[in-house]
Amino acid sequence: MWGEQRRALEAAGWTVLAPDLPGFGGQPGALVSLPGAAADLLAALPPEPLALVGLSMGGYLGLELLAQAPERFLAAVLADTTARTDPPEKVQARHEQARRALAEGTDFLVDAAREEHWPPTFERIRPMVEMATPAGVAGALRAMAARQEHRDTLRGLRLPVLTLVGAQDTLTPPERAQEMADLAGGRCEVLPGAAHLSNLDAPEAFTAALLPFLEETFSAASGTAPDSAAPDRPS
Protein backbone atom coordinates (compact mmCIF):
# COMPACT_ATOMS: atom_id res chain seq x y z
CA MET A 1 0.00 0.00 0.00
CA TRP A 2 2.75 2.43 0.96
CA GLY A 3 5.60 0.88 -1.03
CA GLU A 4 6.59 3.91 -3.11
CA GLN A 5 6.35 6.29 -0.18
CA ARG A 6 8.23 3.94 2.14
CA ARG A 7 11.12 3.65 -0.30
CA ALA A 8 11.35 7.42 -0.77
CA LEU A 9 11.14 8.18 2.94
CA GLU A 10 13.65 5.52 3.93
CA ALA A 11 16.04 6.76 1.24
CA ALA A 12 15.77 10.18 2.89
CA GLY A 13 16.63 8.73 6.30
CA TRP A 14 13.19 8.27 7.81
CA THR A 15 11.95 5.25 9.73
CA VAL A 16 8.52 4.22 8.43
CA LEU A 17 5.95 2.33 10.48
CA ALA A 18 2.95 1.03 8.52
CA PRO A 19 0.87 -1.10 10.92
CA ASP A 20 -1.88 -3.36 9.63
CA LEU A 21 -5.24 -3.23 11.36
CA PRO A 22 -6.85 -6.38 12.81
CA GLY A 23 -8.12 -8.62 10.03
CA PHE A 24 -5.85 -7.04 7.39
CA GLY A 25 -2.37 -7.91 6.18
CA GLY A 26 -2.47 -11.28 7.91
CA GLN A 27 -3.28 -9.82 11.33
CA PRO A 28 -5.75 -11.74 13.52
CA GLY A 29 -8.94 -10.38 15.04
CA ALA A 30 -11.26 -7.60 13.97
CA LEU A 31 -11.62 -3.91 14.65
CA VAL A 32 -14.20 -3.04 17.31
CA SER A 33 -14.01 0.76 17.15
CA LEU A 34 -11.74 3.47 15.85
CA PRO A 35 -11.20 4.98 19.34
CA GLY A 36 -10.18 1.53 20.61
CA ALA A 37 -7.86 0.96 17.65
CA ALA A 38 -6.28 4.37 18.23
CA ALA A 39 -5.69 3.62 21.90
CA ASP A 40 -4.09 0.27 21.05
CA LEU A 41 -1.89 1.88 18.41
CA LEU A 42 -0.77 4.66 20.75
CA ALA A 43 0.28 2.03 23.27
CA ALA A 44 2.31 0.18 20.64
CA LEU A 45 3.98 3.11 18.86
CA PRO A 46 7.44 4.28 19.98
CA PRO A 47 7.57 7.31 22.29
CA GLU A 48 9.53 9.47 19.84
CA PRO A 49 7.66 12.33 18.17
CA LEU A 50 5.90 11.00 15.11
CA ALA A 51 4.67 12.28 11.79
CA LEU A 52 1.21 10.91 11.12
CA VAL A 53 0.21 9.91 7.59
CA GLY A 54 -3.27 8.48 7.07
CA LEU A 55 -5.25 7.81 3.90
CA SER A 56 -8.97 6.99 3.59
CA MET A 57 -9.81 4.87 6.64
CA GLY A 58 -6.26 5.49 7.81
CA GLY A 59 -7.24 9.14 7.89
CA TYR A 60 -10.23 8.35 10.09
CA LEU A 61 -7.91 6.49 12.44
CA GLY A 62 -5.40 9.32 12.22
CA LEU A 63 -8.00 11.81 13.37
CA GLU A 64 -8.72 9.57 16.37
CA LEU A 65 -5.02 9.49 17.19
CA LEU A 66 -4.88 13.27 17.00
CA ALA A 67 -7.97 13.58 19.20
CA GLN A 68 -6.58 11.27 21.88
CA ALA A 69 -2.92 12.27 21.96
CA PRO A 70 -2.06 15.31 19.82
CA GLU A 71 1.13 15.79 21.83
CA ARG A 72 2.54 12.58 20.33
CA PHE A 73 2.66 14.09 16.84
CA LEU A 74 4.63 16.93 15.34
CA ALA A 75 2.90 16.89 11.94
CA ALA A 76 -0.07 15.24 10.23
CA VAL A 77 -0.83 14.35 6.63
CA LEU A 78 -4.45 13.41 5.95
CA ALA A 79 -5.17 12.07 2.46
CA ASP A 80 -8.43 11.24 0.68
CA THR A 81 -10.42 11.31 3.89
CA THR A 82 -12.85 13.53 5.81
CA ALA A 83 -13.43 14.79 9.34
CA ARG A 84 -17.20 14.46 8.88
CA THR A 85 -19.33 11.48 9.83
CA ASP A 86 -21.13 9.38 7.23
CA PRO A 87 -24.61 10.43 6.09
CA PRO A 88 -27.36 7.98 7.12
CA GLU A 89 -27.49 6.24 3.73
CA LYS A 90 -23.74 5.57 3.86
CA VAL A 91 -24.02 4.22 7.41
CA GLN A 92 -26.72 1.84 6.25
CA ALA A 93 -24.66 0.76 3.24
CA ARG A 94 -21.63 0.01 5.43
CA HIS A 95 -23.69 -2.15 7.77
CA GLU A 96 -25.17 -4.02 4.81
CA GLN A 97 -21.69 -4.65 3.42
CA ALA A 98 -20.57 -5.90 6.82
CA ARG A 99 -23.45 -8.39 6.90
CA ARG A 100 -22.61 -9.54 3.37
CA ALA A 101 -18.93 -10.00 4.22
CA LEU A 102 -19.80 -12.26 7.16
CA ALA A 103 -22.44 -14.20 5.22
CA GLU A 104 -20.80 -14.47 1.78
CA GLY A 105 -17.12 -13.68 2.15
CA THR A 106 -15.32 -10.78 0.50
CA ASP A 107 -15.50 -11.66 -3.22
CA PHE A 108 -18.13 -8.97 -3.79
CA LEU A 109 -15.69 -6.36 -2.48
CA VAL A 110 -13.11 -7.47 -5.04
CA ASP A 111 -15.72 -6.93 -7.75
CA ALA A 112 -16.60 -3.53 -6.31
CA ALA A 113 -12.94 -2.51 -6.18
CA ARG A 114 -12.53 -3.51 -9.82
CA GLU A 115 -15.31 -1.11 -10.76
CA GLU A 116 -14.21 1.68 -8.42
CA HIS A 117 -10.48 1.89 -9.12
CA TRP A 118 -8.37 2.33 -12.23
CA PRO A 119 -6.89 -0.99 -13.50
CA PRO A 120 -3.28 -0.46 -12.31
CA THR A 121 -4.49 0.56 -8.87
CA PHE A 122 -6.93 -2.34 -8.69
CA GLU A 123 -4.15 -4.81 -9.45
CA ARG A 124 -2.19 -3.35 -6.55
CA ILE A 125 -4.98 -3.56 -4.01
CA ARG A 126 -6.58 -6.81 -5.13
CA PRO A 127 -4.23 -9.03 -3.06
CA MET A 128 -4.86 -6.83 -0.01
CA VAL A 129 -8.63 -7.16 -0.36
CA GLU A 130 -8.38 -10.91 -0.93
CA MET A 131 -6.16 -11.34 2.13
CA ALA A 132 -8.56 -9.48 4.44
CA THR A 133 -10.74 -11.71 6.59
CA PRO A 134 -14.54 -11.40 6.50
CA ALA A 135 -14.52 -10.59 10.22
CA GLY A 136 -11.84 -7.96 9.71
CA VAL A 137 -13.74 -6.33 6.86
CA ALA A 138 -17.01 -6.37 8.81
CA GLY A 139 -15.35 -4.86 11.87
CA ALA A 140 -13.74 -2.10 9.82
CA LEU A 141 -17.00 -1.23 8.06
CA ARG A 142 -18.91 -1.03 11.32
CA ALA A 143 -16.18 1.05 12.94
CA MET A 144 -16.27 3.50 10.05
CA ALA A 145 -20.06 3.69 10.22
CA ALA A 146 -19.84 4.59 13.93
CA ARG A 147 -16.97 7.05 13.70
CA GLN A 148 -17.12 10.41 15.42
CA GLU A 149 -17.11 13.93 14.01
CA HIS A 150 -13.59 15.43 14.10
CA ARG A 151 -13.89 18.95 12.80
CA ASP A 152 -13.38 20.25 16.35
CA THR A 153 -10.29 18.06 16.63
CA LEU A 154 -8.80 19.85 13.64
CA ARG A 155 -9.76 23.26 14.99
CA GLY A 156 -7.84 22.55 18.18
CA LEU A 157 -4.62 21.24 16.63
CA ARG A 158 -1.38 23.10 17.17
CA LEU A 159 0.74 21.29 14.63
CA PRO A 160 1.34 21.52 10.87
CA VAL A 161 -1.28 19.75 8.76
CA LEU A 162 -1.20 18.87 5.07
CA THR A 163 -4.21 17.42 3.31
CA LEU A 164 -3.80 15.58 0.01
CA VAL A 165 -6.57 14.49 -2.32
CA GLY A 166 -6.94 13.11 -5.80
CA ALA A 167 -8.55 15.53 -8.21
CA GLN A 168 -10.95 12.76 -9.28
CA ASP A 169 -11.73 11.50 -5.77
CA THR A 170 -15.52 11.23 -5.63
CA LEU A 171 -15.69 9.45 -2.25
CA THR A 172 -13.91 12.15 -0.23
CA PRO A 173 -13.69 14.97 -2.80
CA PRO A 174 -11.28 17.93 -2.83
CA GLU A 175 -13.69 20.22 -1.00
CA ARG A 176 -13.52 17.91 2.03
CA ALA A 177 -9.72 18.03 1.97
CA GLN A 178 -9.80 21.82 1.71
CA GLU A 179 -12.24 21.99 4.62
CA MET A 180 -9.88 19.98 6.83
CA ALA A 181 -6.92 22.13 5.87
CA ASP A 182 -8.88 25.31 6.61
CA LEU A 183 -10.02 24.03 10.00
CA ALA A 184 -6.47 23.11 11.02
CA GLY A 185 -4.86 26.20 9.52
CA GLY A 186 -2.94 23.90 7.20
CA ARG A 187 -2.41 23.42 3.49
CA CYS A 188 -4.32 21.41 0.88
CA GLU A 189 -2.82 19.98 -2.30
CA VAL A 190 -5.00 18.45 -5.03
CA LEU A 191 -3.19 15.78 -7.04
CA PRO A 192 -4.04 15.63 -10.76
CA GLY A 193 -4.46 12.21 -12.28
CA ALA A 194 -5.55 10.61 -9.02
CA ALA A 195 -8.81 9.38 -7.52
CA HIS A 196 -9.52 8.02 -4.02
CA LEU A 197 -6.27 6.11 -3.53
CA SER A 198 -4.07 8.98 -4.55
CA ASN A 199 -0.83 7.45 -3.25
CA LEU A 200 -1.36 4.54 -5.67
CA ASP A 201 -3.03 6.42 -8.51
CA ALA A 202 -0.32 9.10 -8.64
CA PRO A 203 2.54 7.87 -6.43
CA GLU A 204 5.16 10.30 -7.72
CA ALA A 205 2.94 13.33 -7.18
CA PHE A 206 1.89 12.07 -3.74
CA THR A 207 5.48 11.53 -2.63
CA ALA A 208 6.56 14.85 -4.13
CA ALA A 209 4.03 16.60 -1.86
CA LEU A 210 4.61 14.41 1.21
CA LEU A 211 8.38 14.39 1.55
CA PRO A 212 9.10 18.15 1.38
CA PHE A 213 6.29 18.85 3.86
CA LEU A 214 7.74 16.43 6.39
CA GLU A 215 11.29 17.64 5.87
CA GLU A 216 10.31 21.30 6.17
CA THR A 217 8.19 20.63 9.25
CA PHE A 218 10.88 18.82 11.18
CA SER A 219 14.00 20.68 10.06
CA ALA A 220 13.50 23.41 12.65
CA ALA A 221 12.35 21.11 15.44
CA SER A 222 14.86 18.29 15.09
CA GLY A 223 18.19 17.60 13.48
CA THR A 224 17.10 14.08 12.53
CA ALA A 225 13.95 12.72 10.93
CA PRO A 226 11.40 11.10 13.27
CA ASP A 227 9.36 8.01 12.60
CA SER A 228 6.46 8.27 10.18
CA ALA A 229 3.36 6.31 11.15
CA ALA A 230 1.12 5.41 8.23
CA PRO A 231 -1.96 3.45 9.32
CA ASP A 232 -3.18 1.15 6.59
CA ARG A 233 -6.74 1.20 5.36
CA PRO A 234 -9.55 -0.53 3.59
CA SER A 235 -11.41 1.77 1.19
C-alpha atoms as a PDB file:
ATOM      1  CA  MET A   1       0.000   0.000   0.000  1.00  0.00           C
ATOM      2  CA  TRP A   2       2.755   2.429   0.962  1.00  0.00           C
ATOM      3  CA  GLY A   3       5.601   0.879  -1.032  1.00  0.00           C
ATOM      4  CA  GLU A   4       6.588   3.913  -3.114  1.00  0.00           C
ATOM      5  CA  GLN A   5       6.348   6.295  -0.177  1.00  0.00           C
ATOM      6  CA  ARG A   6       8.235   3.940   2.142  1.00  0.00           C
ATOM      7  CA  ARG A   7      11.125   3.648  -0.300  1.00  0.00           C
ATOM      8  CA  ALA A   8      11.349   7.416  -0.770  1.00  0.00           C
ATOM      9  CA  LEU A   9      11.141   8.177   2.943  1.00  0.00           C
ATOM     10  CA  GLU A  10      13.652   5.522   3.933  1.00  0.00           C
ATOM     11  CA  ALA A  11      16.041   6.757   1.243  1.00  0.00           C
ATOM     12  CA  ALA A  12      15.770  10.184   2.889  1.00  0.00           C
ATOM     13  CA  GLY A  13      16.635   8.729   6.297  1.00  0.00           C
ATOM     14  CA  TRP A  14      13.192   8.268   7.806  1.00  0.00           C
ATOM     15  CA  THR A  15      11.953   5.247   9.733  1.00  0.00           C
ATOM     16  CA  VAL A  16       8.521   4.219   8.435  1.00  0.00           C
ATOM     17  CA  LEU A  17       5.945   2.332  10.483  1.00  0.00           C
ATOM     18  CA  ALA A  18       2.951   1.028   8.518  1.00  0.00           C
ATOM     19  CA  PRO A  19       0.869  -1.095  10.919  1.00  0.00           C
ATOM     20  CA  ASP A  20      -1.881  -3.364   9.625  1.00  0.00           C
ATOM     21  CA  LEU A  21      -5.238  -3.228  11.363  1.00  0.00           C
ATOM     22  CA  PRO A  22      -6.847  -6.384  12.805  1.00  0.00           C
ATOM     23  CA  GLY A  23      -8.120  -8.621  10.029  1.00  0.00           C
ATOM     24  CA  PHE A  24      -5.850  -7.039   7.388  1.00  0.00           C
ATOM     25  CA  GLY A  25      -2.368  -7.912   6.184  1.00  0.00           C
ATOM     26  CA  GLY A  26      -2.474 -11.281   7.914  1.00  0.00           C
ATOM     27  CA  GLN A  27      -3.284  -9.817  11.330  1.00  0.00           C
ATOM     28  CA  PRO A  28      -5.750 -11.738  13.524  1.00  0.00           C
ATOM     29  CA  GLY A  29      -8.940 -10.380  15.038  1.00  0.00           C
ATOM     30  CA  ALA A  30     -11.256  -7.603  13.974  1.00  0.00           C
ATOM     31  CA  LEU A  31     -11.624  -3.912  14.652  1.00  0.00           C
ATOM     32  CA  VAL A  32     -14.199  -3.041  17.307  1.00  0.00           C
ATOM     33  CA  SER A  33     -14.014   0.756  17.153  1.00  0.00           C
ATOM     34  CA  LEU A  34     -11.738   3.470  15.848  1.00  0.00           C
ATOM     35  CA  PRO A  35     -11.201   4.977  19.335  1.00  0.00           C
ATOM     36  CA  GLY A  36     -10.182   1.529  20.606  1.00  0.00           C
ATOM     37  CA  ALA A  37      -7.865   0.960  17.654  1.00  0.00           C
ATOM     38  CA  ALA A  38      -6.280   4.372  18.229  1.00  0.00           C
ATOM     39  CA  ALA A  39      -5.692   3.619  21.903  1.00  0.00           C
ATOM     40  CA  ASP A  40      -4.093   0.273  21.054  1.00  0.00           C
ATOM     41  CA  LEU A  41      -1.888   1.876  18.414  1.00  0.00           C
ATOM     42  CA  LEU A  42      -0.769   4.660  20.745  1.00  0.00           C
ATOM     43  CA  ALA A  43       0.277   2.032  23.272  1.00  0.00           C
ATOM     44  CA  ALA A  44       2.311   0.177  20.644  1.00  0.00           C
ATOM     45  CA  LEU A  45       3.984   3.112  18.863  1.00  0.00           C
ATOM     46  CA  PRO A  46       7.437   4.277  19.981  1.00  0.00           C
ATOM     47  CA  PRO A  47       7.573   7.305  22.286  1.00  0.00           C
ATOM     48  CA  GLU A  48       9.529   9.466  19.841  1.00  0.00           C
ATOM     49  CA  PRO A  49       7.663  12.333  18.172  1.00  0.00           C
ATOM     50  CA  LEU A  50       5.903  10.996  15.110  1.00  0.00           C
ATOM     51  CA  ALA A  51       4.673  12.277  11.785  1.00  0.00           C
ATOM     52  CA  LEU A  52       1.212  10.912  11.115  1.00  0.00           C
ATOM     53  CA  VAL A  53       0.209   9.906   7.587  1.00  0.00           C
ATOM     54  CA  GLY A  54      -3.274   8.475   7.075  1.00  0.00           C
ATOM     55  CA  LEU A  55      -5.248   7.812   3.903  1.00  0.00           C
ATOM     56  CA  SER A  56      -8.967   6.988   3.588  1.00  0.00           C
ATOM     57  CA  MET A  57      -9.809   4.871   6.644  1.00  0.00           C
ATOM     58  CA  GLY A  58      -6.259   5.487   7.811  1.00  0.00           C
ATOM     59  CA  GLY A  59      -7.245   9.137   7.885  1.00  0.00           C
ATOM     60  CA  TYR A  60     -10.233   8.347  10.088  1.00  0.00           C
ATOM     61  CA  LEU A  61      -7.908   6.493  12.438  1.00  0.00           C
ATOM     62  CA  GLY A  62      -5.396   9.316  12.215  1.00  0.00           C
ATOM     63  CA  LEU A  63      -8.002  11.809  13.366  1.00  0.00           C
ATOM     64  CA  GLU A  64      -8.725   9.574  16.368  1.00  0.00           C
ATOM     65  CA  LEU A  65      -5.022   9.485  17.186  1.00  0.00           C
ATOM     66  CA  LEU A  66      -4.876  13.271  16.997  1.00  0.00           C
ATOM     67  CA  ALA A  67      -7.967  13.579  19.197  1.00  0.00           C
ATOM     68  CA  GLN A  68      -6.581  11.267  21.879  1.00  0.00           C
ATOM     69  CA  ALA A  69      -2.920  12.269  21.956  1.00  0.00           C
ATOM     70  CA  PRO A  70      -2.055  15.312  19.817  1.00  0.00           C
ATOM     71  CA  GLU A  71       1.127  15.790  21.831  1.00  0.00           C
ATOM     72  CA  ARG A  72       2.539  12.576  20.328  1.00  0.00           C
ATOM     73  CA  PHE A  73       2.656  14.086  16.838  1.00  0.00           C
ATOM     74  CA  LEU A  74       4.631  16.927  15.337  1.00  0.00           C
ATOM     75  CA  ALA A  75       2.899  16.894  11.940  1.00  0.00           C
ATOM     76  CA  ALA A  76      -0.066  15.243  10.234  1.00  0.00           C
ATOM     77  CA  VAL A  77      -0.829  14.354   6.631  1.00  0.00           C
ATOM     78  CA  LEU A  78      -4.450  13.408   5.951  1.00  0.00           C
ATOM     79  CA  ALA A  79      -5.167  12.074   2.463  1.00  0.00           C
ATOM     80  CA  ASP A  80      -8.427  11.240   0.676  1.00  0.00           C
ATOM     81  CA  THR A  81     -10.420  11.315   3.892  1.00  0.00           C
ATOM     82  CA  THR A  82     -12.847  13.534   5.807  1.00  0.00           C
ATOM     83  CA  ALA A  83     -13.433  14.787   9.337  1.00  0.00           C
ATOM     84  CA  ARG A  84     -17.199  14.463   8.880  1.00  0.00           C
ATOM     85  CA  THR A  85     -19.330  11.477   9.833  1.00  0.00           C
ATOM     86  CA  ASP A  86     -21.130   9.383   7.233  1.00  0.00           C
ATOM     87  CA  PRO A  87     -24.605  10.426   6.094  1.00  0.00           C
ATOM     88  CA  PRO A  88     -27.365   7.976   7.119  1.00  0.00           C
ATOM     89  CA  GLU A  89     -27.487   6.242   3.728  1.00  0.00           C
ATOM     90  CA  LYS A  90     -23.741   5.571   3.859  1.00  0.00           C
ATOM     91  CA  VAL A  91     -24.019   4.221   7.411  1.00  0.00           C
ATOM     92  CA  GLN A  92     -26.725   1.844   6.249  1.00  0.00           C
ATOM     93  CA  ALA A  93     -24.660   0.757   3.242  1.00  0.00           C
ATOM     94  CA  ARG A  94     -21.632   0.008   5.427  1.00  0.00           C
ATOM     95  CA  HIS A  95     -23.691  -2.148   7.773  1.00  0.00           C
ATOM     96  CA  GLU A  96     -25.171  -4.021   4.812  1.00  0.00           C
ATOM     97  CA  GLN A  97     -21.692  -4.646   3.420  1.00  0.00           C
ATOM     98  CA  ALA A  98     -20.570  -5.904   6.824  1.00  0.00           C
ATOM     99  CA  ARG A  99     -23.448  -8.390   6.899  1.00  0.00           C
ATOM    100  CA  ARG A 100     -22.610  -9.543   3.368  1.00  0.00           C
ATOM    101  CA  ALA A 101     -18.935  -9.999   4.222  1.00  0.00           C
ATOM    102  CA  LEU A 102     -19.797 -12.263   7.158  1.00  0.00           C
ATOM    103  CA  ALA A 103     -22.440 -14.203   5.215  1.00  0.00           C
ATOM    104  CA  GLU A 104     -20.803 -14.467   1.783  1.00  0.00           C
ATOM    105  CA  GLY A 105     -17.117 -13.681   2.154  1.00  0.00           C
ATOM    106  CA  THR A 106     -15.320 -10.775   0.496  1.00  0.00           C
ATOM    107  CA  ASP A 107     -15.497 -11.656  -3.218  1.00  0.00           C
ATOM    108  CA  PHE A 108     -18.126  -8.970  -3.792  1.00  0.00           C
ATOM    109  CA  LEU A 109     -15.689  -6.362  -2.481  1.00  0.00           C
ATOM    110  CA  VAL A 110     -13.111  -7.466  -5.037  1.00  0.00           C
ATOM    111  CA  ASP A 111     -15.719  -6.931  -7.754  1.00  0.00           C
ATOM    112  CA  ALA A 112     -16.603  -3.526  -6.309  1.00  0.00           C
ATOM    113  CA  ALA A 113     -12.941  -2.513  -6.182  1.00  0.00           C
ATOM    114  CA  ARG A 114     -12.525  -3.515  -9.824  1.00  0.00           C
ATOM    115  CA  GLU A 115     -15.306  -1.111 -10.760  1.00  0.00           C
ATOM    116  CA  GLU A 116     -14.211   1.679  -8.418  1.00  0.00           C
ATOM    117  CA  HIS A 117     -10.478   1.893  -9.119  1.00  0.00           C
ATOM    118  CA  TRP A 118      -8.371   2.326 -12.228  1.00  0.00           C
ATOM    119  CA  PRO A 119      -6.894  -0.985 -13.495  1.00  0.00           C
ATOM    120  CA  PRO A 120      -3.279  -0.459 -12.314  1.00  0.00           C
ATOM    121  CA  THR A 121      -4.487   0.565  -8.865  1.00  0.00           C
ATOM    122  CA  PHE A 122      -6.930  -2.340  -8.691  1.00  0.00           C
ATOM    123  CA  GLU A 123      -4.150  -4.809  -9.448  1.00  0.00           C
ATOM    124  CA  ARG A 124      -2.185  -3.349  -6.546  1.00  0.00           C
ATOM    125  CA  ILE A 125      -4.985  -3.557  -4.009  1.00  0.00           C
ATOM    126  CA  ARG A 126      -6.582  -6.808  -5.127  1.00  0.00           C
ATOM    127  CA  PRO A 127      -4.229  -9.026  -3.056  1.00  0.00           C
ATOM    128  CA  MET A 128      -4.860  -6.833  -0.015  1.00  0.00           C
ATOM    129  CA  VAL A 129      -8.626  -7.160  -0.360  1.00  0.00           C
ATOM    130  CA  GLU A 130      -8.384 -10.905  -0.933  1.00  0.00           C
ATOM    131  CA  MET A 131      -6.161 -11.342   2.131  1.00  0.00           C
ATOM    132  CA  ALA A 132      -8.559  -9.479   4.441  1.00  0.00           C
ATOM    133  CA  THR A 133     -10.738 -11.714   6.588  1.00  0.00           C
ATOM    134  CA  PRO A 134     -14.536 -11.398   6.501  1.00  0.00           C
ATOM    135  CA  ALA A 135     -14.523 -10.588  10.222  1.00  0.00           C
ATOM    136  CA  GLY A 136     -11.838  -7.956   9.708  1.00  0.00           C
ATOM    137  CA  VAL A 137     -13.738  -6.333   6.861  1.00  0.00           C
ATOM    138  CA  ALA A 138     -17.010  -6.367   8.811  1.00  0.00           C
ATOM    139  CA  GLY A 139     -15.353  -4.858  11.869  1.00  0.00           C
ATOM    140  CA  ALA A 140     -13.737  -2.096   9.821  1.00  0.00           C
ATOM    141  CA  LEU A 141     -16.997  -1.235   8.057  1.00  0.00           C
ATOM    142  CA  ARG A 142     -18.909  -1.026  11.325  1.00  0.00           C
ATOM    143  CA  ALA A 143     -16.177   1.046  12.944  1.00  0.00           C
ATOM    144  CA  MET A 144     -16.265   3.502  10.047  1.00  0.00           C
ATOM    145  CA  ALA A 145     -20.058   3.694  10.224  1.00  0.00           C
ATOM    146  CA  ALA A 146     -19.840   4.586  13.929  1.00  0.00           C
ATOM    147  CA  ARG A 147     -16.974   7.050  13.696  1.00  0.00           C
ATOM    148  CA  GLN A 148     -17.120  10.414  15.421  1.00  0.00           C
ATOM    149  CA  GLU A 149     -17.114  13.926  14.009  1.00  0.00           C
ATOM    150  CA  HIS A 150     -13.595  15.427  14.104  1.00  0.00           C
ATOM    151  CA  ARG A 151     -13.893  18.952  12.799  1.00  0.00           C
ATOM    152  CA  ASP A 152     -13.381  20.245  16.347  1.00  0.00           C
ATOM    153  CA  THR A 153     -10.287  18.055  16.631  1.00  0.00           C
ATOM    154  CA  LEU A 154      -8.801  19.846  13.643  1.00  0.00           C
ATOM    155  CA  ARG A 155      -9.760  23.265  14.995  1.00  0.00           C
ATOM    156  CA  GLY A 156      -7.837  22.547  18.179  1.00  0.00           C
ATOM    157  CA  LEU A 157      -4.625  21.242  16.632  1.00  0.00           C
ATOM    158  CA  ARG A 158      -1.384  23.104  17.168  1.00  0.00           C
ATOM    159  CA  LEU A 159       0.735  21.286  14.632  1.00  0.00           C
ATOM    160  CA  PRO A 160       1.340  21.516  10.873  1.00  0.00           C
ATOM    161  CA  VAL A 161      -1.281  19.751   8.762  1.00  0.00           C
ATOM    162  CA  LEU A 162      -1.197  18.869   5.073  1.00  0.00           C
ATOM    163  CA  THR A 163      -4.214  17.424   3.306  1.00  0.00           C
ATOM    164  CA  LEU A 164      -3.804  15.578   0.014  1.00  0.00           C
ATOM    165  CA  VAL A 165      -6.571  14.492  -2.316  1.00  0.00           C
ATOM    166  CA  GLY A 166      -6.944  13.105  -5.796  1.00  0.00           C
ATOM    167  CA  ALA A 167      -8.554  15.534  -8.211  1.00  0.00           C
ATOM    168  CA  GLN A 168     -10.950  12.757  -9.282  1.00  0.00           C
ATOM    169  CA  ASP A 169     -11.730  11.498  -5.771  1.00  0.00           C
ATOM    170  CA  THR A 170     -15.525  11.231  -5.627  1.00  0.00           C
ATOM    171  CA  LEU A 171     -15.687   9.448  -2.247  1.00  0.00           C
ATOM    172  CA  THR A 172     -13.915  12.150  -0.233  1.00  0.00           C
ATOM    173  CA  PRO A 173     -13.685  14.969  -2.800  1.00  0.00           C
ATOM    174  CA  PRO A 174     -11.277  17.927  -2.831  1.00  0.00           C
ATOM    175  CA  GLU A 175     -13.694  20.215  -1.003  1.00  0.00           C
ATOM    176  CA  ARG A 176     -13.516  17.906   2.029  1.00  0.00           C
ATOM    177  CA  ALA A 177      -9.723  18.033   1.971  1.00  0.00           C
ATOM    178  CA  GLN A 178      -9.802  21.821   1.714  1.00  0.00           C
ATOM    179  CA  GLU A 179     -12.238  21.989   4.624  1.00  0.00           C
ATOM    180  CA  MET A 180      -9.883  19.978   6.831  1.00  0.00           C
ATOM    181  CA  ALA A 181      -6.918  22.133   5.875  1.00  0.00           C
ATOM    182  CA  ASP A 182      -8.877  25.306   6.608  1.00  0.00           C
ATOM    183  CA  LEU A 183     -10.021  24.030   9.999  1.00  0.00           C
ATOM    184  CA  ALA A 184      -6.475  23.111  11.016  1.00  0.00           C
ATOM    185  CA  GLY A 185      -4.859  26.197   9.518  1.00  0.00           C
ATOM    186  CA  GLY A 186      -2.938  23.895   7.201  1.00  0.00           C
ATOM    187  CA  ARG A 187      -2.406  23.419   3.488  1.00  0.00           C
ATOM    188  CA  CYS A 188      -4.319  21.414   0.885  1.00  0.00           C
ATOM    189  CA  GLU A 189      -2.824  19.979  -2.303  1.00  0.00           C
ATOM    190  CA  VAL A 190      -4.999  18.452  -5.032  1.00  0.00           C
ATOM    191  CA  LEU A 191      -3.193  15.779  -7.040  1.00  0.00           C
ATOM    192  CA  PRO A 192      -4.038  15.634 -10.758  1.00  0.00           C
ATOM    193  CA  GLY A 193      -4.461  12.206 -12.281  1.00  0.00           C
ATOM    194  CA  ALA A 194      -5.553  10.607  -9.016  1.00  0.00           C
ATOM    195  CA  ALA A 195      -8.806   9.383  -7.516  1.00  0.00           C
ATOM    196  CA  HIS A 196      -9.524   8.019  -4.019  1.00  0.00           C
ATOM    197  CA  LEU A 197      -6.269   6.105  -3.528  1.00  0.00           C
ATOM    198  CA  SER A 198      -4.066   8.983  -4.552  1.00  0.00           C
ATOM    199  CA  ASN A 199      -0.831   7.448  -3.249  1.00  0.00           C
ATOM    200  CA  LEU A 200      -1.355   4.536  -5.666  1.00  0.00           C
ATOM    201  CA  ASP A 201      -3.026   6.419  -8.512  1.00  0.00           C
ATOM    202  CA  ALA A 202      -0.315   9.101  -8.644  1.00  0.00           C
ATOM    203  CA  PRO A 203       2.535   7.875  -6.432  1.00  0.00           C
ATOM    204  CA  GLU A 204       5.161  10.297  -7.720  1.00  0.00           C
ATOM    205  CA  ALA A 205       2.940  13.334  -7.177  1.00  0.00           C
ATOM    206  CA  PHE A 206       1.891  12.074  -3.736  1.00  0.00           C
ATOM    207  CA  THR A 207       5.485  11.535  -2.632  1.00  0.00           C
ATOM    208  CA  ALA A 208       6.561  14.854  -4.132  1.00  0.00           C
ATOM    209  CA  ALA A 209       4.033  16.595  -1.860  1.00  0.00           C
ATOM    210  CA  LEU A 210       4.613  14.408   1.205  1.00  0.00           C
ATOM    211  CA  LEU A 211       8.378  14.390   1.545  1.00  0.00           C
ATOM    212  CA  PRO A 212       9.096  18.151   1.379  1.00  0.00           C
ATOM    213  CA  PHE A 213       6.289  18.846   3.856  1.00  0.00           C
ATOM    214  CA  LEU A 214       7.739  16.434   6.393  1.00  0.00           C
ATOM    215  CA  GLU A 215      11.288  17.636   5.872  1.00  0.00           C
ATOM    216  CA  GLU A 216      10.314  21.300   6.169  1.00  0.00           C
ATOM    217  CA  THR A 217       8.195  20.634   9.253  1.00  0.00           C
ATOM    218  CA  PHE A 218      10.885  18.819  11.175  1.00  0.00           C
ATOM    219  CA  SER A 219      14.000  20.679  10.059  1.00  0.00           C
ATOM    220  CA  ALA A 220      13.500  23.412  12.655  1.00  0.00           C
ATOM    221  CA  ALA A 221      12.345  21.108  15.436  1.00  0.00           C
ATOM    222  CA  SER A 222      14.863  18.294  15.091  1.00  0.00           C
ATOM    223  CA  GLY A 223      18.189  17.596  13.476  1.00  0.00           C
ATOM    224  CA  THR A 224      17.100  14.075  12.525  1.00  0.00           C
ATOM    225  CA  ALA A 225      13.947  12.724  10.932  1.00  0.00           C
ATOM    226  CA  PRO A 226      11.405  11.096  13.270  1.00  0.00           C
ATOM    227  CA  ASP A 227       9.364   8.009  12.603  1.00  0.00           C
ATOM    228  CA  SER A 228       6.463   8.272  10.179  1.00  0.00           C
ATOM    229  CA  ALA A 229       3.363   6.309  11.146  1.00  0.00           C
ATOM    230  CA  ALA A 230       1.120   5.406   8.228  1.00  0.00           C
ATOM    231  CA  PRO A 231      -1.964   3.454   9.321  1.00  0.00           C
ATOM    232  CA  ASP A 232      -3.176   1.146   6.589  1.00  0.00           C
ATOM    233  CA  ARG A 233      -6.737   1.202   5.365  1.00  0.00           C
ATOM    234  CA  PRO A 234      -9.546  -0.530   3.591  1.00  0.00           C
ATOM    235  CA  SER A 235     -11.408   1.770   1.192  1.00  0.00           C
END
